[in-house]
Amino acid sequence: MALGWRWVFILRSKIFSALKRAEEGPGMSEDVPSLKRIAEPRSLKPAPGVVVGYRRVRTKGTWAVFIISLIMVAIGLALIVHPPMSSKVAYTIDDELKPQYYFHPWFVLKKGEKLEVRGTVRGGNNDIWIYVKEGGRTVEDFKLVKSPVDVIFTAPEDGNYTLYIDNSMSLVSSKILHLELIRHYYDYVPGGLFLFFGFIVLVVSLIGLMIGQKRLMIRVGDETYEFWPTNWGKVNVAVNGVTLDSKVKPGDKFRIGPNDEHILEIKMVGRFFKKTGFFVDGREVGRLP
């Protein structure tokens, strides 16, 4: 008798299940999952009534960097066209120059560059013969220069110049020389550095102007909240177009909405490349930068 009642209960439960499935319609059974719910994202989907978007803004800082880069490029070009002069000691002569002998170091000079001979001569009349040749041709003859020596040769054209320090006019007197041969040359390094770094900054600033600064916009009813990154991981905030003096940072929580009905939380997200995540009512709605 008990076995018969058991079959009655089993049959009744099956009838009720069949009727329920018929009322729900095809595909609504608990045994068959909803494809829409499976595909629904579990993050970056705002709560009902919350609208999220991004906009890009060309900031004053990017414009300032762009202008600075143009100035750097202009300075670099000016310094390359009209380079400054630098000086270095090319030779030091501390030696005895016997009669009928000479020193003849040579230099590659550009037009306008200079050679300076400075120092002392001892022996005989304390003088020495100094002249400059280029391709076997005498370009400038300083004649006999008495100690202390200080003469400057300016290259009239680009070329290879040989500087002669000559004691051939002496028949018996040696000369003790303590001379510095100083080269004054055009220094293209400053112009090149300005041009190189200015070009890099110019390219970066142009990319920044084209892309703009990414800002996160959250709208709740008539309320608009705007967020954009600043220094040291902090975030600037504007509420209804009014920028706040204080910054926010990961770990802060606020109520937002016309009636403060939503909770905004800021967190650091990401495993390898950390970003600032924004969560409304527990749902992630955006990231910066």
Protein backbone atom coordinates (compact mmCIF):
# COMPACT_ATOMS: atom_id res chain seq x y z
CA MET A 1 0.00 0.00 0.00
CA ALA A 2 2.87 2.38 0.90
CA LEU A 3 4.54 1.60 -2.42
CA GLY A 4 1.37 2.60 -4.27
CA TRP A 5 1.20 5.99 -2.57
CA ARG A 6 4.84 6.59 -3.46
CA TRP A 7 4.11 6.15 -7.15
CA VAL A 8 1.15 8.53 -6.85
CA PHE A 9 3.44 11.28 -5.40
CA ILE A 10 6.09 10.74 -8.11
CA LEU A 11 3.48 10.93 -10.87
CA ARG A 12 1.95 14.10 -9.41
CA SER A 13 5.37 15.87 -9.19
CA LYS A 14 6.13 15.03 -12.82
CA ILE A 15 2.73 16.42 -13.90
CA PHE A 16 3.36 19.67 -11.97
CA SER A 17 6.88 20.02 -13.53
CA ALA A 18 5.50 19.51 -17.01
CA LEU A 19 2.79 22.12 -16.44
CA LYS A 20 5.38 24.63 -15.10
CA ARG A 21 7.62 24.14 -18.14
CA ALA A 22 4.65 24.66 -20.40
CA GLU A 23 3.82 27.95 -18.65
CA GLU A 24 7.43 29.21 -18.83
CA GLY A 25 7.76 28.41 -22.49
CA PRO A 26 10.70 26.84 -24.31
CA GLY A 27 14.19 27.73 -23.13
CA MET A 28 13.09 29.16 -19.75
CA SER A 29 13.73 26.03 -17.70
CA GLU A 30 16.28 26.23 -14.92
CA ASP A 31 18.14 23.41 -16.63
CA VAL A 32 18.91 25.60 -19.68
CA PRO A 33 21.05 28.72 -18.98
CA SER A 34 20.34 32.10 -20.56
CA LEU A 35 22.90 32.88 -23.25
CA LYS A 36 22.30 36.61 -22.74
CA ARG A 37 23.23 36.39 -19.08
CA ILE A 38 26.36 34.38 -19.88
CA ALA A 39 27.49 37.01 -22.38
CA GLU A 40 26.67 39.93 -20.08
CA PRO A 41 29.94 41.53 -18.86
CA ARG A 42 30.52 41.36 -15.17
CA SER A 43 32.63 44.55 -15.11
CA LEU A 44 32.79 47.82 -17.02
CA LYS A 45 28.98 47.78 -16.95
CA PRO A 46 27.51 50.62 -14.92
CA ALA A 47 24.65 50.29 -12.52
CA PRO A 48 21.16 51.26 -13.77
CA GLY A 49 20.86 55.03 -14.15
CA VAL A 50 24.62 55.54 -14.45
CA VAL A 51 26.10 56.61 -17.81
CA VAL A 52 29.86 56.29 -18.34
CA GLY A 53 32.02 57.61 -21.17
CA TYR A 54 35.40 59.06 -22.07
CA ARG A 55 36.51 62.28 -23.72
CA ARG A 56 39.91 63.62 -24.71
CA VAL A 57 41.12 67.12 -23.97
CA ARG A 58 44.13 69.08 -25.27
CA THR A 59 45.61 70.43 -22.05
CA LYS A 60 47.49 73.68 -21.47
CA GLY A 61 50.51 71.67 -20.33
CA THR A 62 50.70 69.86 -23.69
CA TRP A 63 50.45 73.15 -25.56
CA ALA A 64 53.22 74.57 -23.36
CA VAL A 65 55.48 71.57 -24.10
CA PHE A 66 54.75 71.98 -27.82
CA ILE A 67 55.78 75.66 -27.74
CA ILE A 68 58.93 74.84 -25.74
CA SER A 69 59.87 72.17 -28.30
CA LEU A 70 59.53 74.71 -31.14
CA ILE A 71 61.81 77.10 -29.26
CA MET A 72 64.36 74.32 -28.71
CA VAL A 73 64.36 73.42 -32.41
CA ALA A 74 64.73 77.10 -33.38
CA ILE A 75 67.67 77.53 -30.98
CA GLY A 76 69.28 74.35 -32.33
CA LEU A 77 69.01 75.55 -35.93
CA ALA A 78 70.42 78.96 -34.97
CA LEU A 79 73.37 77.40 -33.16
CA ILE A 80 74.12 75.15 -36.13
CA VAL A 81 74.02 78.06 -38.59
CA HIS A 82 76.01 80.33 -36.23
CA PRO A 83 77.81 77.97 -33.84
CA PRO A 84 79.59 79.30 -30.75
CA MET A 85 83.38 79.16 -30.43
CA SER A 86 85.12 76.80 -28.04
CA SER A 87 88.80 76.62 -27.20
CA LYS A 88 91.28 73.91 -26.30
CA VAL A 89 95.05 73.59 -26.05
CA ALA A 90 96.08 71.56 -29.09
CA TYR A 91 99.82 71.44 -28.39
CA THR A 92 102.18 72.40 -25.60
CA ILE A 93 105.79 73.03 -26.53
CA ASP A 94 108.36 72.97 -23.72
CA ASP A 95 111.50 72.28 -25.64
CA GLU A 96 114.74 73.66 -27.06
CA LEU A 97 114.65 74.68 -30.69
CA LYS A 98 118.10 74.54 -32.23
CA PRO A 99 119.35 76.95 -34.93
CA GLN A 100 118.05 76.23 -38.44
CA TYR A 101 115.26 74.00 -37.02
CA TYR A 102 111.49 74.51 -36.78
CA PHE A 103 108.27 72.96 -35.44
CA HIS A 104 105.41 72.63 -37.95
CA PRO A 105 102.17 71.19 -36.52
CA TRP A 106 99.20 71.20 -38.90
CA PHE A 107 95.50 71.76 -38.34
CA VAL A 108 92.24 71.30 -40.24
CA LEU A 109 90.33 74.55 -39.82
CA LYS A 110 87.02 75.89 -41.02
CA LYS A 111 86.64 79.43 -42.22
CA GLY A 112 86.69 81.78 -39.22
CA GLU A 113 88.33 79.33 -36.80
CA LYS A 114 91.52 80.50 -35.10
CA LEU A 115 94.96 79.37 -33.97
CA GLU A 116 96.60 81.20 -31.09
CA VAL A 117 100.26 80.94 -30.08
CA ARG A 118 100.93 82.11 -26.55
CA GLY A 119 103.94 81.83 -24.23
CA THR A 120 107.60 82.79 -23.84
CA VAL A 121 110.85 82.46 -25.77
CA ARG A 122 114.32 82.61 -24.22
CA GLY A 123 117.62 82.77 -26.06
CA GLY A 124 119.25 85.06 -28.59
CA ASN A 125 117.01 88.11 -28.88
CA ASN A 126 114.14 86.25 -27.20
CA ASP A 127 112.30 86.10 -30.51
CA ILE A 128 110.95 83.45 -32.88
CA TRP A 129 109.68 83.46 -36.48
CA ILE A 130 105.99 82.43 -36.83
CA TYR A 131 104.08 81.99 -40.09
CA VAL A 132 101.25 79.86 -41.52
CA LYS A 133 101.12 77.91 -44.80
CA GLU A 134 98.34 76.19 -46.67
CA GLY A 135 99.22 73.90 -49.60
CA GLY A 136 102.78 75.24 -49.70
CA ARG A 137 101.54 78.82 -49.90
CA THR A 138 102.24 81.29 -47.11
CA VAL A 139 98.87 82.53 -45.85
CA GLU A 140 100.07 84.79 -43.05
CA ASP A 141 103.52 85.80 -41.83
CA PHE A 142 103.85 87.21 -38.31
CA LYS A 143 107.62 87.84 -38.89
CA LEU A 144 109.86 87.80 -35.83
CA VAL A 145 107.74 87.79 -32.68
CA LYS A 146 109.40 88.79 -29.41
CA SER A 147 108.65 87.22 -26.07
CA PRO A 148 106.05 87.19 -24.56
CA VAL A 149 104.36 85.68 -27.60
CA ASP A 150 100.64 86.16 -28.26
CA VAL A 151 99.57 85.93 -31.91
CA ILE A 152 96.30 84.75 -33.44
CA PHE A 153 95.73 83.37 -36.94
CA THR A 154 92.18 83.35 -38.39
CA ALA A 155 91.51 80.87 -41.19
CA PRO A 156 90.29 82.74 -44.31
CA GLU A 157 88.81 79.55 -45.83
CA ASP A 158 88.27 75.90 -44.97
CA GLY A 159 91.57 74.05 -45.34
CA ASN A 160 94.60 72.26 -43.93
CA TYR A 161 96.94 74.77 -42.33
CA THR A 162 100.52 74.27 -41.14
CA LEU A 163 101.81 76.52 -38.37
CA TYR A 164 105.60 77.09 -38.46
CA ILE A 165 107.55 78.03 -35.35
CA ASP A 166 110.89 78.63 -37.00
CA ASN A 167 114.41 79.30 -35.69
CA SER A 168 116.10 79.18 -39.11
CA MET A 169 117.08 82.85 -38.87
CA SER A 170 119.47 81.95 -36.01
CA LEU A 171 122.91 80.69 -36.87
CA VAL A 172 124.19 79.92 -33.36
CA SER A 173 121.43 80.66 -30.83
CA SER A 174 119.05 77.98 -29.61
CA LYS A 175 115.65 79.03 -28.29
CA ILE A 176 113.95 77.66 -25.20
CA LEU A 177 110.22 77.58 -25.95
CA HIS A 178 107.35 77.48 -23.48
CA LEU A 179 104.39 77.83 -25.82
CA GLU A 180 100.75 76.81 -25.95
CA LEU A 181 99.04 76.33 -29.31
CA ILE A 182 95.37 77.03 -28.67
CA ARG A 183 92.71 76.14 -31.19
CA HIS A 184 89.50 78.21 -31.25
CA TYR A 185 86.91 76.15 -33.14
CA TYR A 186 83.20 76.14 -33.90
CA ASP A 187 81.30 73.99 -31.42
CA TYR A 188 78.30 72.31 -33.10
CA VAL A 189 77.46 70.15 -30.08
CA PRO A 190 75.08 72.62 -28.34
CA GLY A 191 73.10 73.15 -31.54
CA GLY A 192 72.95 69.43 -32.21
CA LEU A 193 71.75 68.69 -28.67
CA PHE A 194 69.07 71.39 -28.82
CA LEU A 195 67.93 70.13 -32.21
CA PHE A 196 67.94 66.45 -31.17
CA PHE A 197 66.04 66.83 -27.90
CA GLY A 198 63.80 69.54 -29.33
CA PHE A 199 62.77 67.22 -32.17
CA ILE A 200 61.98 64.40 -29.72
CA VAL A 201 59.91 66.71 -27.49
CA LEU A 202 58.18 68.11 -30.59
CA VAL A 203 57.12 64.62 -31.76
CA VAL A 204 55.91 63.66 -28.28
CA SER A 205 53.94 66.90 -27.88
CA LEU A 206 52.35 66.50 -31.33
CA ILE A 207 51.24 62.99 -30.40
CA GLY A 208 49.90 64.37 -27.12
CA LEU A 209 47.97 67.10 -28.97
CA MET A 210 46.50 64.61 -31.44
CA ILE A 211 45.52 62.07 -28.80
CA GLY A 212 44.65 64.47 -25.99
CA GLN A 213 44.29 63.68 -22.31
CA LYS A 214 41.89 60.84 -21.53
CA ARG A 215 39.16 61.78 -19.06
CA LEU A 216 36.51 59.56 -17.50
CA MET A 217 32.94 60.93 -17.42
CA ILE A 218 30.29 59.53 -15.06
CA ARG A 219 26.73 60.88 -15.31
CA VAL A 220 24.03 60.15 -12.78
CA GLY A 221 20.83 62.01 -13.62
CA ASP A 222 21.76 65.69 -13.91
CA GLU A 223 25.05 65.20 -12.07
CA THR A 224 28.30 64.95 -14.07
CA TYR A 225 31.58 63.80 -12.59
CA GLU A 226 34.84 64.04 -14.54
CA PHE A 227 38.16 62.43 -13.60
CA TRP A 228 41.65 62.72 -15.12
CA PRO A 229 45.09 61.63 -13.89
CA THR A 230 47.63 63.91 -12.26
CA ASN A 231 50.98 63.38 -10.51
CA TRP A 232 51.87 60.64 -8.05
CA GLY A 233 48.87 58.44 -8.85
CA LYS A 234 46.31 61.01 -7.77
CA VAL A 235 43.26 62.02 -9.78
CA ASN A 236 41.73 65.41 -10.50
CA VAL A 237 37.96 65.74 -10.12
CA ALA A 238 35.41 68.12 -11.62
CA VAL A 239 31.77 68.08 -10.46
CA ASN A 240 29.32 69.69 -12.88
CA GLY A 241 32.20 71.53 -14.53
CA VAL A 242 33.74 72.83 -11.29
CA THR A 243 37.27 71.47 -10.68
CA LEU A 244 37.92 70.60 -7.06
CA ASP A 245 41.06 71.88 -5.33
CA SER A 246 41.68 68.55 -3.61
CA LYS A 247 42.72 65.41 -5.44
CA VAL A 248 41.40 61.88 -4.93
CA LYS A 249 43.46 58.71 -4.77
CA PRO A 250 43.02 54.94 -4.73
CA GLY A 251 41.24 53.85 -1.56
CA ASP A 252 38.84 56.83 -1.47
CA LYS A 253 35.06 56.35 -1.42
CA PHE A 254 32.33 58.88 -2.17
CA ARG A 255 28.59 59.05 -2.58
CA ILE A 256 27.46 60.32 -5.97
CA GLY A 257 24.15 61.06 -7.65
CA PRO A 258 21.43 63.68 -7.13
CA ASN A 259 20.41 62.03 -3.87
CA ASP A 260 23.78 60.43 -3.05
CA GLU A 261 22.22 57.10 -3.95
CA HIS A 262 25.37 55.52 -5.44
CA ILE A 263 28.78 54.75 -3.98
CA LEU A 264 31.91 55.50 -6.01
CA GLU A 265 35.09 53.68 -5.00
CA ILE A 266 38.58 54.19 -6.45
CA LYS A 267 41.02 51.25 -6.49
CA MET A 268 44.28 50.20 -8.10
CA VAL A 269 43.63 47.44 -10.64
CA GLY A 270 45.76 45.32 -12.95
CA ARG A 271 48.43 42.73 -12.28
CA PHE A 272 51.50 43.94 -14.15
CA PHE A 273 50.54 47.45 -15.29
CA LYS A 274 48.65 49.15 -12.50
CA LYS A 275 45.83 51.54 -13.36
CA THR A 276 43.27 53.50 -11.41
CA GLY A 277 39.90 51.71 -11.48
CA PHE A 278 36.53 53.31 -10.77
CA PHE A 279 33.71 51.26 -9.25
CA VAL A 280 30.08 52.36 -8.87
CA ASP A 281 28.05 50.21 -6.49
CA GLY A 282 30.68 47.50 -6.72
CA ARG A 283 30.79 47.41 -10.53
CA GLU A 284 33.90 48.55 -12.37
CA VAL A 285 32.95 51.26 -14.87
CA GLY A 286 36.30 52.61 -16.12
CA ARG A 287 40.04 52.94 -15.75
CA LEU A 288 42.66 55.67 -15.98
CA PRO A 289 45.00 56.45 -17.54
